[in-house]
Amino acid sequence: MRISQRSIEDVREAANIVEVTSEFTALRRQGTRFSGLCPYPDHQEKTPSFSVSPDRGFYYCFGCLEANERIW
């Protein structure tokens, strides 16, 4: 059985990007955004450079330049 594209979109819209991202890295609120260490295994860091914008459904790492507009 194949999952419909609409079902995938429904899950993406319902998922909270902060909650999902928090499963991979600890986040700290900074105004309307959250920041933390980059969760990508190829980017080891000691200073947080990973930013999550829940109002835009967007995350970005200023260190390794990984970004996405929404949950996969």
PDB file of N, CA and C in Angstrom:
ATOM      1  N   MET A   1       0.847  -1.179   0.000  1.00  0.00           N
ATOM      2  CA  MET A   1       0.000   0.000   0.000  1.00  0.00           C
ATOM      3  C   MET A   1       0.894   1.243   0.000  1.00  0.00           C
ATOM      4  N   ARG A   2       0.590   2.168  -0.842  1.00  0.00           N
ATOM      5  CA  ARG A   2       1.371   3.396  -0.976  1.00  0.00           C
ATOM      6  C   ARG A   2       0.724   4.525  -0.174  1.00  0.00           C
ATOM      7  N   ILE A   3       1.558   5.323   0.490  1.00  0.00           N
ATOM      8  CA  ILE A   3       1.066   6.479   1.246  1.00  0.00           C
ATOM      9  C   ILE A   3       0.865   7.632   0.270  1.00  0.00           C
ATOM     10  N   SER A   4      -0.291   8.260   0.335  1.00  0.00           N
ATOM     11  CA  SER A   4      -0.597   9.347  -0.593  1.00  0.00           C
ATOM     12  C   SER A   4       0.210  10.604  -0.265  1.00  0.00           C
ATOM     13  N   GLN A   5       0.441  11.408  -1.271  1.00  0.00           N
ATOM     14  CA  GLN A   5       1.152  12.672  -1.081  1.00  0.00           C
ATOM     15  C   GLN A   5       0.379  13.571  -0.119  1.00  0.00           C
ATOM     16  N   ARG A   6      -0.933  13.524  -0.176  1.00  0.00           N
ATOM     17  CA  ARG A   6      -1.760  14.330   0.725  1.00  0.00           C
ATOM     18  C   ARG A   6      -1.537  13.921   2.182  1.00  0.00           C
ATOM     19  N   SER A   7      -1.437  12.611   2.440  1.00  0.00           N
ATOM     20  CA  SER A   7      -1.173  12.137   3.801  1.00  0.00           C
ATOM     21  C   SER A   7       0.179  12.623   4.298  1.00  0.00           C
ATOM     22  N   ILE A   8       1.168  12.604   3.434  1.00  0.00           N
ATOM     23  CA  ILE A   8       2.499  13.100   3.793  1.00  0.00           C
ATOM     24  C   ILE A   8       2.431  14.579   4.131  1.00  0.00           C
ATOM     25  N   GLU A   9       1.731  15.353   3.328  1.00  0.00           N
ATOM     26  CA  GLU A   9       1.586  16.792   3.574  1.00  0.00           C
ATOM     27  C   GLU A   9       0.829  17.057   4.882  1.00  0.00           C
ATOM     28  N   ASP A  10      -0.190  16.262   5.165  1.00  0.00           N
ATOM     29  CA  ASP A  10      -0.943  16.423   6.418  1.00  0.00           C
ATOM     30  C   ASP A  10      -0.039  16.222   7.634  1.00  0.00           C
ATOM     31  N   VAL A  11       0.816  15.212   7.583  1.00  0.00           N
ATOM     32  CA  VAL A  11       1.746  14.961   8.693  1.00  0.00           C
ATOM     33  C   VAL A  11       2.729  16.112   8.824  1.00  0.00           C
ATOM     34  N   ARG A  12       3.261  16.579   7.718  1.00  0.00           N
ATOM     35  CA  ARG A  12       4.207  17.700   7.752  1.00  0.00           C
ATOM     36  C   ARG A  12       3.577  18.947   8.361  1.00  0.00           C
ATOM     37  N   GLU A  13       2.342  19.219   7.998  1.00  0.00           N
ATOM     38  CA  GLU A  13       1.661  20.408   8.509  1.00  0.00           C
ATOM     39  C   GLU A  13       1.333  20.275   9.999  1.00  0.00           C
ATOM     40  N   ALA A  14       1.039  19.062  10.447  1.00  0.00           N
ATOM     41  CA  ALA A  14       0.655  18.849  11.843  1.00  0.00           C
ATOM     42  C   ALA A  14       1.856  18.758  12.785  1.00  0.00           C
ATOM     43  N   ALA A  15       3.004  18.371  12.269  1.00  0.00           N
ATOM     44  CA  ALA A  15       4.191  18.184  13.113  1.00  0.00           C
ATOM     45  C   ALA A  15       4.750  19.535  13.564  1.00  0.00           C
ATOM     46  N   ASN A  16       5.200  19.578  14.806  1.00  0.00           N
ATOM     47  CA  ASN A  16       5.816  20.779  15.366  1.00  0.00           C
ATOM     48  C   ASN A  16       7.324  20.660  15.182  1.00  0.00           C
ATOM     49  N   ILE A  17       7.908  21.553  14.397  1.00  0.00           N
ATOM     50  CA  ILE A  17       9.327  21.460  14.062  1.00  0.00           C
ATOM     51  C   ILE A  17      10.224  21.556  15.291  1.00  0.00           C
ATOM     52  N   VAL A  18       9.804  22.298  16.305  1.00  0.00           N
ATOM     53  CA  VAL A  18      10.606  22.410  17.531  1.00  0.00           C
ATOM     54  C   VAL A  18      10.592  21.080  18.287  1.00  0.00           C
ATOM     55  N   GLU A  19       9.427  20.454  18.409  1.00  0.00           N
ATOM     56  CA  GLU A  19       9.337  19.171  19.109  1.00  0.00           C
ATOM     57  C   GLU A  19      10.141  18.093  18.394  1.00  0.00           C
ATOM     58  N   VAL A  20      10.028  18.037  17.090  1.00  0.00           N
ATOM     59  CA  VAL A  20      10.750  17.021  16.324  1.00  0.00           C
ATOM     60  C   VAL A  20      12.255  17.253  16.414  1.00  0.00           C
ATOM     61  N   THR A  21      12.694  18.488  16.218  1.00  0.00           N
ATOM     62  CA  THR A  21      14.122  18.803  16.266  1.00  0.00           C
ATOM     63  C   THR A  21      14.688  18.567  17.659  1.00  0.00           C
ATOM     64  N   SER A  22      13.890  18.804  18.692  1.00  0.00           N
ATOM     65  CA  SER A  22      14.337  18.599  20.075  1.00  0.00           C
ATOM     66  C   SER A  22      14.656  17.140  20.384  1.00  0.00           C
ATOM     67  N   GLU A  23      14.176  16.230  19.555  1.00  0.00           N
ATOM     68  CA  GLU A  23      14.515  14.821  19.737  1.00  0.00           C
ATOM     69  C   GLU A  23      15.969  14.542  19.349  1.00  0.00           C
ATOM     70  N   PHE A  24      16.587  15.455  18.602  1.00  0.00           N
ATOM     71  CA  PHE A  24      17.949  15.259  18.105  1.00  0.00           C
ATOM     72  C   PHE A  24      18.973  16.188  18.745  1.00  0.00           C
ATOM     73  N   THR A  25      18.524  17.316  19.304  1.00  0.00           N
ATOM     74  CA  THR A  25      19.422  18.267  19.954  1.00  0.00           C
ATOM     75  C   THR A  25      18.634  19.113  20.949  1.00  0.00           C
ATOM     76  N   ALA A  26      19.281  19.519  22.012  1.00  0.00           N
ATOM     77  CA  ALA A  26      18.633  20.388  23.002  1.00  0.00           C
ATOM     78  C   ALA A  26      18.523  21.799  22.428  1.00  0.00           C
ATOM     79  N   LEU A  27      17.336  22.385  22.522  1.00  0.00           N
ATOM     80  CA  LEU A  27      17.113  23.729  21.993  1.00  0.00           C
ATOM     81  C   LEU A  27      16.817  24.700  23.126  1.00  0.00           C
ATOM     82  N   ARG A  28      17.226  25.926  22.926  1.00  0.00           N
ATOM     83  CA  ARG A  28      16.989  26.993  23.903  1.00  0.00           C
ATOM     84  C   ARG A  28      16.279  28.143  23.197  1.00  0.00           C
ATOM     85  N   ARG A  29      15.213  28.642  23.820  1.00  0.00           N
ATOM     86  CA  ARG A  29      14.453  29.737  23.214  1.00  0.00           C
ATOM     87  C   ARG A  29      15.279  31.011  23.225  1.00  0.00           C
ATOM     88  N   GLN A  30      15.255  31.711  22.088  1.00  0.00           N
ATOM     89  CA  GLN A  30      15.879  33.028  21.955  1.00  0.00           C
ATOM     90  C   GLN A  30      14.908  33.907  21.172  1.00  0.00           C
ATOM     91  N   GLY A  31      14.042  34.597  21.895  1.00  0.00           N
ATOM     92  CA  GLY A  31      13.006  35.398  21.239  1.00  0.00           C
ATOM     93  C   GLY A  31      11.984  34.482  20.593  1.00  0.00           C
ATOM     94  N   THR A  32      11.763  34.659  19.298  1.00  0.00           N
ATOM     95  CA  THR A  32      10.798  33.823  18.580  1.00  0.00           C
ATOM     96  C   THR A  32      11.446  32.578  17.988  1.00  0.00           C
ATOM     97  N   ARG A  33      12.749  32.452  18.117  1.00  0.00           N
ATOM     98  CA  ARG A  33      13.484  31.319  17.560  1.00  0.00           C
ATOM     99  C   ARG A  33      14.063  30.448  18.665  1.00  0.00           C
ATOM    100  N   PHE A  34      14.613  29.321  18.258  1.00  0.00           N
ATOM    101  CA  PHE A  34      15.295  28.405  19.159  1.00  0.00           C
ATOM    102  C   PHE A  34      16.682  28.137  18.592  1.00  0.00           C
ATOM    103  N   SER A  35      17.645  27.907  19.476  1.00  0.00           N
ATOM    104  CA  SER A  35      18.996  27.603  19.004  1.00  0.00           C
ATOM    105  C   SER A  35      19.563  26.430  19.782  1.00  0.00           C
ATOM    106  N   GLY A  36      20.551  25.782  19.180  1.00  0.00           N
ATOM    107  CA  GLY A  36      21.200  24.645  19.820  1.00  0.00           C
ATOM    108  C   GLY A  36      22.379  24.193  18.990  1.00  0.00           C
ATOM    109  N   LEU A  37      23.010  23.117  19.447  1.00  0.00           N
ATOM    110  CA  LEU A  37      24.108  22.535  18.686  1.00  0.00           C
ATOM    111  C   LEU A  37      23.538  21.839  17.457  1.00  0.00           C
ATOM    112  N   CYS A  38      24.269  21.873  16.376  1.00  0.00           N
ATOM    113  CA  CYS A  38      23.818  21.250  15.132  1.00  0.00           C
ATOM    114  C   CYS A  38      23.642  19.743  15.335  1.00  0.00           C
ATOM    115  N   PRO A  39      22.488  19.186  14.929  1.00  0.00           N
ATOM    116  CA  PRO A  39      22.251  17.756  15.112  1.00  0.00           C
ATOM    117  C   PRO A  39      22.873  16.880  14.022  1.00  0.00           C
ATOM    118  N   TYR A  40      23.423  17.480  12.978  1.00  0.00           N
ATOM    119  CA  TYR A  40      24.004  16.694  11.891  1.00  0.00           C
ATOM    120  C   TYR A  40      25.328  16.076  12.332  1.00  0.00           C
ATOM    121  N   PRO A  41      25.494  14.765  12.141  1.00  0.00           N
ATOM    122  CA  PRO A  41      26.686  14.078  12.652  1.00  0.00           C
ATOM    123  C   PRO A  41      28.002  14.538  12.021  1.00  0.00           C
ATOM    124  N   ASP A  42      27.975  15.062  10.823  1.00  0.00           N
ATOM    125  CA  ASP A  42      29.203  15.529  10.174  1.00  0.00           C
ATOM    126  C   ASP A  42      29.647  16.890  10.674  1.00  0.00           C
ATOM    127  N   HIS A  43      28.839  17.532  11.503  1.00  0.00           N
ATOM    128  CA  HIS A  43      29.178  18.861  12.008  1.00  0.00           C
ATOM    129  C   HIS A  43      29.278  18.809  13.530  1.00  0.00           C
ATOM    130  N   GLN A  44      30.468  18.628  14.014  1.00  0.00           N
ATOM    131  CA  GLN A  44      30.720  18.613  15.458  1.00  0.00           C
ATOM    132  C   GLN A  44      31.067  20.027  15.895  1.00  0.00           C
ATOM    133  N   GLU A  45      30.362  20.550  16.883  1.00  0.00           N
ATOM    134  CA  GLU A  45      30.608  21.920  17.332  1.00  0.00           C
ATOM    135  C   GLU A  45      30.440  22.039  18.840  1.00  0.00           C
ATOM    136  N   LYS A  46      31.000  23.095  19.394  1.00  0.00           N
ATOM    137  CA  LYS A  46      30.884  23.372  20.827  1.00  0.00           C
ATOM    138  C   LYS A  46      30.040  24.611  21.094  1.00  0.00           C
ATOM    139  N   THR A  47      29.900  25.465  20.086  1.00  0.00           N
ATOM    140  CA  THR A  47      29.111  26.689  20.202  1.00  0.00           C
ATOM    141  C   THR A  47      27.866  26.544  19.326  1.00  0.00           C
ATOM    142  N   PRO A  48      26.670  26.740  19.880  1.00  0.00           N
ATOM    143  CA  PRO A  48      25.441  26.574  19.098  1.00  0.00           C
ATOM    144  C   PRO A  48      25.389  27.470  17.856  1.00  0.00           C
ATOM    145  N   SER A  49      25.148  26.840  16.716  1.00  0.00           N
ATOM    146  CA  SER A  49      24.994  27.600  15.475  1.00  0.00           C
ATOM    147  C   SER A  49      23.744  27.167  14.716  1.00  0.00           C
ATOM    148  N   PHE A  50      22.943  26.300  15.336  1.00  0.00           N
ATOM    149  CA  PHE A  50      21.745  25.758  14.717  1.00  0.00           C
ATOM    150  C   PHE A  50      20.540  26.567  15.176  1.00  0.00           C
ATOM    151  N   SER A  51      19.730  27.042  14.241  1.00  0.00           N
ATOM    152  CA  SER A  51      18.588  27.897  14.551  1.00  0.00           C
ATOM    153  C   SER A  51      17.305  27.298  13.984  1.00  0.00           C
ATOM    154  N   VAL A  52      16.241  27.318  14.789  1.00  0.00           N
ATOM    155  CA  VAL A  52      14.933  26.824  14.362  1.00  0.00           C
ATOM    156  C   VAL A  52      13.928  27.962  14.483  1.00  0.00           C
ATOM    157  N   SER A  53      13.196  28.221  13.408  1.00  0.00           N
ATOM    158  CA  SER A  53      12.163  29.264  13.383  1.00  0.00           C
ATOM    159  C   SER A  53      10.804  28.586  13.255  1.00  0.00           C
ATOM    160  N   PRO A  54      10.113  28.348  14.380  1.00  0.00           N
ATOM    161  CA  PRO A  54       8.845  27.629  14.308  1.00  0.00           C
ATOM    162  C   PRO A  54       7.758  28.368  13.535  1.00  0.00           C
ATOM    163  N   ASP A  55       7.768  29.691  13.574  1.00  0.00           N
ATOM    164  CA  ASP A  55       6.742  30.444  12.852  1.00  0.00           C
ATOM    165  C   ASP A  55       6.882  30.283  11.342  1.00  0.00           C
ATOM    166  N   ARG A  56       8.079  30.013  10.877  1.00  0.00           N
ATOM    167  CA  ARG A  56       8.322  29.803   9.448  1.00  0.00           C
ATOM    168  C   ARG A  56       8.478  28.330   9.093  1.00  0.00           C
ATOM    169  N   GLY A  57       8.549  27.462  10.119  1.00  0.00           N
ATOM    170  CA  GLY A  57       8.757  26.040   9.869  1.00  0.00           C
ATOM    171  C   GLY A  57      10.094  25.787   9.203  1.00  0.00           C
ATOM    172  N   PHE A  58      11.125  26.474   9.676  1.00  0.00           N
ATOM    173  CA  PHE A  58      12.414  26.492   8.999  1.00  0.00           C
ATOM    174  C   PHE A  58      13.538  26.271   9.996  1.00  0.00           C
ATOM    175  N   TYR A  59      14.573  25.522   9.588  1.00  0.00           N
ATOM    176  CA  TYR A  59      15.783  25.449  10.404  1.00  0.00           C
ATOM    177  C   TYR A  59      16.997  25.732   9.534  1.00  0.00           C
ATOM    178  N   TYR A  60      18.064  26.210  10.181  1.00  0.00           N
ATOM    179  CA  TYR A  60      19.288  26.553   9.457  1.00  0.00           C
ATOM    180  C   TYR A  60      20.476  26.439  10.398  1.00  0.00           C
ATOM    181  N   CYS A  61      21.561  25.872   9.909  1.00  0.00           N
ATOM    182  CA  CYS A  61      22.799  25.816  10.679  1.00  0.00           C
ATOM    183  C   CYS A  61      23.789  26.785  10.042  1.00  0.00           C
ATOM    184  N   PHE A  62      24.197  27.767  10.809  1.00  0.00           N
ATOM    185  CA  PHE A  62      25.142  28.766  10.320  1.00  0.00           C
ATOM    186  C   PHE A  62      26.555  28.197  10.195  1.00  0.00           C
ATOM    187  N   GLY A  63      26.808  27.040  10.809  1.00  0.00           N
ATOM    188  CA  GLY A  63      28.131  26.424  10.748  1.00  0.00           C
ATOM    189  C   GLY A  63      28.329  25.551   9.520  1.00  0.00           C
ATOM    190  N   CYS A  64      27.391  24.638   9.272  1.00  0.00           N
ATOM    191  CA  CYS A  64      27.548  23.712   8.139  1.00  0.00           C
ATOM    192  C   CYS A  64      26.612  24.032   6.977  1.00  0.00           C
ATOM    193  N   LEU A  65      25.759  25.028   7.152  1.00  0.00           N
ATOM    194  CA  LEU A  65      24.853  25.534   6.116  1.00  0.00           C
ATOM    195  C   LEU A  65      23.709  24.582   5.761  1.00  0.00           C
ATOM    196  N   GLU A  66      23.454  23.580   6.601  1.00  0.00           N
ATOM    197  CA  GLU A  66      22.292  22.718   6.383  1.00  0.00           C
ATOM    198  C   GLU A  66      21.033  23.529   6.658  1.00  0.00           C
ATOM    199  N   ALA A  67      20.035  23.335   5.819  1.00  0.00           N
ATOM    200  CA  ALA A  67      18.778  24.069   5.984  1.00  0.00           C
ATOM    201  C   ALA A  67      17.632  23.251   5.417  1.00  0.00           C
ATOM    202  N   ASN A  68      16.452  23.545   5.910  1.00  0.00           N
ATOM    203  CA  ASN A  68      15.252  22.929   5.378  1.00  0.00           C
ATOM    204  C   ASN A  68      14.072  23.799   5.755  1.00  0.00           C
ATOM    205  N   GLU A  69      13.103  23.842   4.876  1.00  0.00           N
ATOM    206  CA  GLU A  69      11.930  24.669   5.124  1.00  0.00           C
ATOM    207  C   GLU A  69      10.871  23.970   5.936  1.00  0.00           C
ATOM    208  N   ARG A  70      11.004  22.673   6.078  1.00  0.00           N
ATOM    209  CA  ARG A  70      10.018  21.949   6.863  1.00  0.00           C
ATOM    210  C   ARG A  70      10.558  20.573   7.208  1.00  0.00           C
ATOM    211  N   ILE A  71       9.797  19.872   7.985  1.00  0.00           N
ATOM    212  CA  ILE A  71      10.171  18.516   8.366  1.00  0.00           C
ATOM    213  C   ILE A  71      10.069  17.625   7.138  1.00  0.00           C
ATOM    214  N   TRP A  72      11.010  16.732   6.998  1.00  0.00           N
ATOM    215  CA  TRP A  72      11.111  15.886   5.818  1.00  0.00           C
ATOM    216  C   TRP A  72       9.855  15.132   5.614  1.00  0.00           C
TER     217      TRP A  72
END
